[in-house]
Amino acid sequence: MRFHPDCYYRADADSPTESWPALIAAVTDLEGRVTGVLRDDDPAGDHAVATLMARTQEVGIDCLVLSLRLADFNDDLRYLGRGAMRAILHSQLAPQDVVRFLQPVAH
């Protein structure tokens, strides 16, 4: 998961392109192959969660909604910092996912 300060966003095909801060993550299968990309999208948050949950359940994939401390994950990252964000996520992930996704990041 990485923070991008100016990720392009369009609400739909007819809307203008805007730049919004976002958290972006690769979605992989159990062999580590990238199967998609997911971004945290503040205005579409609740709708996106419902849509993602329905899609993953249809194909038998468990999907967890991760909790945040502030208004959204972008705010957690900006105002609390990377270390706090990792600590927030650590307790919500299965041990094998902690090892896989919360490895130390080289600066």
N, C-alpha and C. Protein backbone atom coordinates (compact mmCIF):
# COMPACT_ATOMS: atom_id res chain seq x y z
N MET A 1 0.85 -1.16 0.00
CA MET A 1 0.00 0.00 0.00
C MET A 1 0.90 1.23 0.00
N ARG A 2 0.61 2.16 -0.87
CA ARG A 2 1.41 3.38 -0.97
C ARG A 2 0.48 4.60 -1.05
N PHE A 3 0.95 5.69 -0.51
CA PHE A 3 0.22 6.95 -0.56
C PHE A 3 0.61 7.70 -1.83
N HIS A 4 -0.38 8.20 -2.56
CA HIS A 4 -0.14 9.01 -3.74
C HIS A 4 -0.88 10.33 -3.52
N PRO A 5 -0.17 11.47 -3.52
CA PRO A 5 -0.81 12.75 -3.19
C PRO A 5 -1.75 13.30 -4.26
N ASP A 6 -1.58 12.89 -5.51
CA ASP A 6 -2.39 13.44 -6.61
C ASP A 6 -2.80 12.35 -7.59
N CYS A 7 -3.64 11.43 -7.15
CA CYS A 7 -4.10 10.35 -8.01
C CYS A 7 -5.33 10.82 -8.78
N TYR A 8 -5.35 10.54 -10.08
CA TYR A 8 -6.49 10.96 -10.89
C TYR A 8 -7.76 10.24 -10.48
N TYR A 9 -8.88 10.95 -10.52
CA TYR A 9 -10.17 10.41 -10.12
C TYR A 9 -11.25 10.99 -11.02
N ARG A 10 -12.17 10.12 -11.46
CA ARG A 10 -13.38 10.56 -12.16
C ARG A 10 -14.54 9.79 -11.57
N ALA A 11 -15.58 10.49 -11.19
CA ALA A 11 -16.74 9.85 -10.57
C ALA A 11 -17.42 8.89 -11.55
N ASP A 12 -17.43 9.25 -12.83
CA ASP A 12 -17.97 8.38 -13.88
C ASP A 12 -17.37 8.82 -15.21
N ALA A 13 -17.72 8.14 -16.26
CA ALA A 13 -17.11 8.39 -17.57
C ALA A 13 -17.36 9.80 -18.10
N ASP A 14 -18.44 10.43 -17.65
CA ASP A 14 -18.77 11.77 -18.15
C ASP A 14 -18.28 12.91 -17.26
N SER A 15 -17.71 12.57 -16.12
CA SER A 15 -17.24 13.58 -15.17
C SER A 15 -15.84 14.06 -15.53
N PRO A 16 -15.50 15.28 -15.12
CA PRO A 16 -14.15 15.76 -15.36
C PRO A 16 -13.14 15.03 -14.48
N THR A 17 -11.91 14.95 -14.94
CA THR A 17 -10.84 14.33 -14.16
C THR A 17 -10.38 15.28 -13.08
N GLU A 18 -10.24 14.76 -11.86
CA GLU A 18 -9.77 15.54 -10.72
C GLU A 18 -8.56 14.84 -10.12
N SER A 19 -7.80 15.52 -9.30
CA SER A 19 -6.69 14.91 -8.57
C SER A 19 -7.04 14.88 -7.09
N TRP A 20 -6.93 13.69 -6.48
CA TRP A 20 -7.24 13.50 -5.07
C TRP A 20 -6.11 12.68 -4.45
N PRO A 21 -5.83 12.88 -3.16
CA PRO A 21 -4.88 11.98 -2.49
C PRO A 21 -5.52 10.59 -2.36
N ALA A 22 -4.69 9.54 -2.44
CA ALA A 22 -5.23 8.19 -2.37
C ALA A 22 -4.18 7.21 -1.85
N LEU A 23 -4.66 6.16 -1.24
CA LEU A 23 -3.83 5.01 -0.91
C LEU A 23 -4.07 3.98 -2.01
N ILE A 24 -3.00 3.47 -2.59
CA ILE A 24 -3.11 2.53 -3.69
C ILE A 24 -2.44 1.22 -3.29
N ALA A 25 -3.11 0.10 -3.58
CA ALA A 25 -2.57 -1.21 -3.23
C ALA A 25 -2.75 -2.18 -4.39
N ALA A 26 -1.78 -3.07 -4.55
CA ALA A 26 -1.91 -4.15 -5.53
C ALA A 26 -2.74 -5.26 -4.89
N VAL A 27 -3.62 -5.84 -5.68
CA VAL A 27 -4.40 -6.99 -5.25
C VAL A 27 -3.79 -8.21 -5.93
N THR A 28 -3.42 -9.23 -5.13
CA THR A 28 -2.75 -10.40 -5.68
C THR A 28 -3.50 -11.68 -5.35
N ASP A 29 -3.21 -12.71 -6.13
CA ASP A 29 -3.73 -14.03 -5.79
C ASP A 29 -2.75 -14.69 -4.82
N LEU A 30 -3.01 -15.92 -4.42
CA LEU A 30 -2.17 -16.58 -3.43
C LEU A 30 -0.75 -16.87 -3.92
N GLU A 31 -0.55 -16.86 -5.24
CA GLU A 31 0.79 -17.06 -5.80
C GLU A 31 1.55 -15.74 -5.94
N GLY A 32 0.91 -14.62 -5.58
CA GLY A 32 1.57 -13.32 -5.65
C GLY A 32 1.39 -12.61 -6.98
N ARG A 33 0.60 -13.15 -7.89
CA ARG A 33 0.35 -12.49 -9.18
C ARG A 33 -0.63 -11.34 -8.97
N VAL A 34 -0.31 -10.20 -9.54
CA VAL A 34 -1.20 -9.04 -9.43
C VAL A 34 -2.46 -9.29 -10.24
N THR A 35 -3.61 -9.19 -9.58
CA THR A 35 -4.89 -9.41 -10.24
C THR A 35 -5.72 -8.13 -10.36
N GLY A 36 -5.24 -7.07 -9.73
CA GLY A 36 -5.95 -5.80 -9.79
C GLY A 36 -5.27 -4.76 -8.93
N VAL A 37 -5.79 -3.56 -8.98
CA VAL A 37 -5.27 -2.46 -8.18
C VAL A 37 -6.46 -1.82 -7.48
N LEU A 38 -6.27 -1.48 -6.22
CA LEU A 38 -7.35 -0.89 -5.43
C LEU A 38 -6.89 0.44 -4.87
N ARG A 39 -7.76 1.39 -4.89
CA ARG A 39 -7.44 2.68 -4.28
C ARG A 39 -8.51 3.03 -3.26
N ASP A 40 -8.07 3.68 -2.17
CA ASP A 40 -8.99 4.21 -1.18
C ASP A 40 -9.53 5.49 -1.77
N ASP A 41 -10.84 5.62 -1.89
CA ASP A 41 -11.45 6.74 -2.57
C ASP A 41 -12.41 7.42 -1.60
N ASP A 42 -12.04 8.56 -0.98
CA ASP A 42 -12.83 9.16 0.08
C ASP A 42 -14.30 9.36 -0.23
N PRO A 43 -14.70 10.03 -1.38
CA PRO A 43 -16.13 10.28 -1.57
C PRO A 43 -16.95 9.03 -1.88
N ALA A 44 -16.34 8.00 -2.40
CA ALA A 44 -17.09 6.81 -2.77
C ALA A 44 -16.93 5.70 -1.75
N GLY A 45 -16.37 5.99 -0.61
CA GLY A 45 -15.99 4.98 0.37
C GLY A 45 -17.05 3.95 0.70
N ASP A 46 -18.19 4.36 1.21
CA ASP A 46 -19.21 3.40 1.62
C ASP A 46 -19.77 2.61 0.44
N HIS A 47 -20.01 3.30 -0.66
CA HIS A 47 -20.52 2.62 -1.86
C HIS A 47 -19.48 1.64 -2.39
N ALA A 48 -18.21 2.06 -2.40
CA ALA A 48 -17.14 1.19 -2.90
C ALA A 48 -17.01 -0.06 -2.03
N VAL A 49 -17.12 0.10 -0.72
CA VAL A 49 -17.04 -1.06 0.19
C VAL A 49 -18.17 -2.04 -0.12
N ALA A 50 -19.38 -1.54 -0.25
CA ALA A 50 -20.51 -2.42 -0.53
C ALA A 50 -20.34 -3.15 -1.86
N THR A 51 -19.88 -2.43 -2.87
CA THR A 51 -19.66 -3.03 -4.19
C THR A 51 -18.57 -4.08 -4.14
N LEU A 52 -17.44 -3.75 -3.49
CA LEU A 52 -16.33 -4.69 -3.40
C LEU A 52 -16.73 -5.93 -2.61
N MET A 53 -17.44 -5.75 -1.50
CA MET A 53 -17.88 -6.90 -0.70
C MET A 53 -18.77 -7.83 -1.53
N ALA A 54 -19.70 -7.26 -2.28
CA ALA A 54 -20.60 -8.08 -3.09
C ALA A 54 -19.82 -8.84 -4.16
N ARG A 55 -18.89 -8.15 -4.83
CA ARG A 55 -18.11 -8.80 -5.89
C ARG A 55 -17.22 -9.91 -5.35
N THR A 56 -16.56 -9.67 -4.22
CA THR A 56 -15.67 -10.70 -3.69
C THR A 56 -16.44 -11.89 -3.15
N GLN A 57 -17.59 -11.65 -2.52
CA GLN A 57 -18.38 -12.76 -1.99
C GLN A 57 -18.93 -13.62 -3.12
N GLU A 58 -19.25 -13.01 -4.26
CA GLU A 58 -19.77 -13.77 -5.41
C GLU A 58 -18.77 -14.81 -5.91
N VAL A 59 -17.48 -14.53 -5.76
CA VAL A 59 -16.45 -15.44 -6.26
C VAL A 59 -15.73 -16.17 -5.12
N GLY A 60 -16.27 -16.09 -3.91
CA GLY A 60 -15.74 -16.83 -2.79
C GLY A 60 -14.48 -16.27 -2.16
N ILE A 61 -14.26 -14.97 -2.26
CA ILE A 61 -13.08 -14.33 -1.67
C ILE A 61 -13.50 -13.58 -0.41
N ASP A 62 -12.78 -13.83 0.69
CA ASP A 62 -13.04 -13.09 1.93
C ASP A 62 -12.52 -11.67 1.78
N CYS A 63 -13.30 -10.72 2.21
CA CYS A 63 -12.93 -9.31 2.12
C CYS A 63 -13.16 -8.67 3.49
N LEU A 64 -12.14 -8.03 4.02
CA LEU A 64 -12.26 -7.34 5.30
C LEU A 64 -12.27 -5.84 5.07
N VAL A 65 -13.09 -5.15 5.83
CA VAL A 65 -13.09 -3.70 5.81
C VAL A 65 -12.19 -3.25 6.94
N LEU A 66 -11.10 -2.58 6.61
CA LEU A 66 -10.15 -2.14 7.62
C LEU A 66 -10.63 -0.85 8.27
N SER A 67 -10.42 -0.75 9.57
CA SER A 67 -10.85 0.42 10.33
C SER A 67 -9.80 1.52 10.28
N LEU A 68 -10.24 2.72 10.48
CA LEU A 68 -9.36 3.87 10.48
C LEU A 68 -9.57 4.67 11.76
N ARG A 69 -8.73 5.65 11.98
CA ARG A 69 -8.85 6.47 13.19
C ARG A 69 -9.50 7.82 12.91
N LEU A 70 -9.17 8.42 11.78
CA LEU A 70 -9.69 9.75 11.45
C LEU A 70 -10.77 9.60 10.38
N ALA A 71 -10.98 10.63 9.60
CA ALA A 71 -12.06 10.62 8.61
C ALA A 71 -11.86 9.57 7.52
N ASP A 72 -10.61 9.36 7.09
CA ASP A 72 -10.31 8.34 6.09
C ASP A 72 -8.84 7.95 6.19
N PHE A 73 -8.44 6.95 5.42
CA PHE A 73 -7.07 6.47 5.50
C PHE A 73 -6.06 7.51 5.05
N ASN A 74 -6.45 8.36 4.12
CA ASN A 74 -5.54 9.43 3.70
C ASN A 74 -5.23 10.35 4.88
N ASP A 75 -6.25 10.70 5.66
CA ASP A 75 -6.03 11.54 6.84
C ASP A 75 -5.16 10.82 7.88
N ASP A 76 -5.41 9.52 8.09
CA ASP A 76 -4.58 8.75 9.02
C ASP A 76 -3.11 8.83 8.61
N LEU A 77 -2.85 8.63 7.34
CA LEU A 77 -1.47 8.64 6.86
C LEU A 77 -0.85 10.03 6.96
N ARG A 78 -1.58 11.05 6.53
CA ARG A 78 -1.03 12.42 6.54
C ARG A 78 -0.82 12.96 7.95
N TYR A 79 -1.80 12.77 8.83
CA TYR A 79 -1.75 13.42 10.13
C TYR A 79 -1.15 12.56 11.25
N LEU A 80 -1.28 11.23 11.12
CA LEU A 80 -0.73 10.35 12.15
C LEU A 80 0.63 9.79 11.76
N GLY A 81 0.88 9.70 10.45
CA GLY A 81 2.18 9.24 9.96
C GLY A 81 2.20 7.77 9.59
N ARG A 82 3.26 7.39 8.87
CA ARG A 82 3.42 6.04 8.37
C ARG A 82 3.47 5.01 9.49
N GLY A 83 4.22 5.30 10.55
CA GLY A 83 4.34 4.35 11.66
C GLY A 83 3.01 4.07 12.32
N ALA A 84 2.24 5.12 12.57
CA ALA A 84 0.93 4.94 13.19
C ALA A 84 -0.01 4.18 12.25
N MET A 85 0.07 4.48 10.97
CA MET A 85 -0.77 3.80 9.99
C MET A 85 -0.46 2.30 9.98
N ARG A 86 0.82 1.95 10.01
CA ARG A 86 1.21 0.54 10.05
C ARG A 86 0.70 -0.12 11.33
N ALA A 87 0.78 0.57 12.46
CA ALA A 87 0.31 0.03 13.73
C ALA A 87 -1.21 -0.18 13.70
N ILE A 88 -1.93 0.76 13.11
CA ILE A 88 -3.38 0.65 12.99
C ILE A 88 -3.75 -0.58 12.17
N LEU A 89 -3.06 -0.79 11.06
CA LEU A 89 -3.36 -1.92 10.18
C LEU A 89 -2.88 -3.25 10.75
N HIS A 90 -1.77 -3.24 11.48
CA HIS A 90 -1.16 -4.47 11.99
C HIS A 90 -2.15 -5.34 12.76
N SER A 91 -2.89 -4.74 13.65
CA SER A 91 -3.80 -5.52 14.49
C SER A 91 -5.03 -6.02 13.74
N GLN A 92 -5.27 -5.50 12.54
CA GLN A 92 -6.44 -5.89 11.77
C GLN A 92 -6.16 -6.98 10.73
N LEU A 93 -4.88 -7.28 10.52
CA LEU A 93 -4.49 -8.24 9.49
C LEU A 93 -4.14 -9.59 10.10
N ALA A 94 -4.35 -10.66 9.33
CA ALA A 94 -3.90 -11.99 9.74
C ALA A 94 -2.38 -11.99 9.77
N PRO A 95 -1.77 -12.80 10.63
CA PRO A 95 -0.30 -12.80 10.75
C PRO A 95 0.43 -12.97 9.41
N GLN A 96 -0.05 -13.86 8.55
CA GLN A 96 0.62 -14.04 7.26
C GLN A 96 0.51 -12.80 6.38
N ASP A 97 -0.55 -12.02 6.53
CA ASP A 97 -0.70 -10.79 5.77
C ASP A 97 0.17 -9.67 6.34
N VAL A 98 0.37 -9.67 7.65
CA VAL A 98 1.29 -8.70 8.26
C VAL A 98 2.67 -8.88 7.66
N VAL A 99 3.14 -10.13 7.61
CA VAL A 99 4.45 -10.41 7.04
C VAL A 99 4.51 -10.01 5.58
N ARG A 100 3.44 -10.28 4.86
CA ARG A 100 3.43 -10.03 3.41
C ARG A 100 3.30 -8.55 3.06
N PHE A 101 2.45 -7.81 3.78
CA PHE A 101 2.12 -6.45 3.37
C PHE A 101 2.74 -5.34 4.22
N LEU A 102 3.20 -5.65 5.41
CA LEU A 102 3.74 -4.61 6.27
C LEU A 102 5.25 -4.77 6.48
N GLN A 103 5.93 -5.23 5.46
CA GLN A 103 7.39 -5.30 5.51
C GLN A 103 7.95 -3.90 5.62
N PRO A 104 9.11 -3.75 6.26
CA PRO A 104 9.73 -2.41 6.34
C PRO A 104 9.92 -1.82 4.95
N VAL A 105 9.66 -0.54 4.83
CA VAL A 105 9.78 0.16 3.55
C VAL A 105 11.12 0.88 3.51
N ALA A 106 11.88 0.65 2.43
CA ALA A 106 13.16 1.34 2.27
C ALA A 106 12.90 2.80 1.88
N HIS A 107 13.68 3.71 2.43
CA HIS A 107 13.49 5.14 2.11
C HIS A 107 14.49 5.57 1.08
